[in-house]
Amino acid sequence: MKQLTAVLTALGMVALLTACKPEIGSKAWCENMQAKPKGDWTVNEATDYAKHCLLK
């Protein structure tokens, strides 16, 4: 029973953390990416930034 509680707690925390992220391509997401150091961007983030924030 303790294991089930721990798993459900972990899943709940993950759901809360992922729900706080702005949607890719939204104004908030573009602003967050502008504030993030370019060296920390992933290839996917850079591609999404170019697609959604620069080439709108």
Protein backbone atom coordinates (compact mmCIF):
# COMPACT_ATOMS: atom_id res chain seq x y z
CA MET A 1 0.00 0.00 0.00
CA LYS A 2 2.91 2.35 0.75
CA GLN A 3 4.31 1.77 -2.72
CA LEU A 4 1.00 2.65 -4.35
CA THR A 5 0.80 5.86 -2.32
CA ALA A 6 4.35 6.77 -3.29
CA VAL A 7 3.66 6.14 -6.98
CA LEU A 8 0.44 8.16 -6.93
CA THR A 9 2.19 11.01 -5.12
CA ALA A 10 5.01 11.03 -7.67
CA LEU A 11 2.55 11.01 -10.58
CA GLY A 12 0.62 13.86 -9.03
CA MET A 13 3.78 15.94 -8.62
CA VAL A 14 4.78 15.32 -12.23
CA ALA A 15 1.33 16.36 -13.42
CA LEU A 16 1.50 19.57 -11.41
CA LEU A 17 4.95 20.47 -12.71
CA THR A 18 4.14 19.82 -16.35
CA ALA A 19 0.89 21.75 -16.13
CA CYS A 20 2.84 24.91 -15.24
CA LYS A 21 4.84 25.00 -18.46
CA PRO A 22 3.54 27.36 -21.12
CA GLU A 23 2.46 25.84 -24.41
CA ILE A 24 5.18 25.72 -27.07
CA GLY A 25 4.78 28.68 -29.38
CA SER A 26 2.77 30.78 -26.93
CA LYS A 27 3.87 34.31 -26.09
CA ALA A 28 4.91 33.20 -22.58
CA TRP A 29 6.96 30.33 -24.00
CA CYS A 30 8.75 32.63 -26.46
CA GLU A 31 9.53 35.06 -23.63
CA ASN A 32 10.87 32.23 -21.45
CA MET A 33 13.09 31.05 -24.29
CA GLN A 34 14.43 34.58 -24.84
CA ALA A 35 15.41 34.72 -21.17
CA LYS A 36 17.04 31.27 -21.23
CA PRO A 37 20.75 31.24 -22.18
CA LYS A 38 21.11 30.13 -25.81
CA GLY A 39 23.73 27.55 -24.82
CA ASP A 40 21.14 25.75 -22.70
CA TRP A 41 18.64 25.33 -25.56
CA THR A 42 18.07 21.88 -27.00
CA VAL A 43 17.94 21.38 -30.76
CA ASN A 44 14.17 20.89 -30.53
CA GLU A 45 13.76 24.09 -28.52
CA ALA A 46 15.79 26.08 -31.04
CA THR A 47 13.75 24.66 -33.91
CA ASP A 48 10.46 25.39 -32.14
CA TYR A 49 11.63 28.91 -31.26
CA ALA A 50 12.52 29.67 -34.87
CA LYS A 51 9.26 28.15 -36.13
CA HIS A 52 6.89 29.75 -33.62
CA CYS A 53 8.59 32.94 -32.44
CA LEU A 54 10.63 34.18 -35.38
CA LEU A 55 8.75 32.95 -38.45
CA LYS A 56 5.20 33.70 -37.35
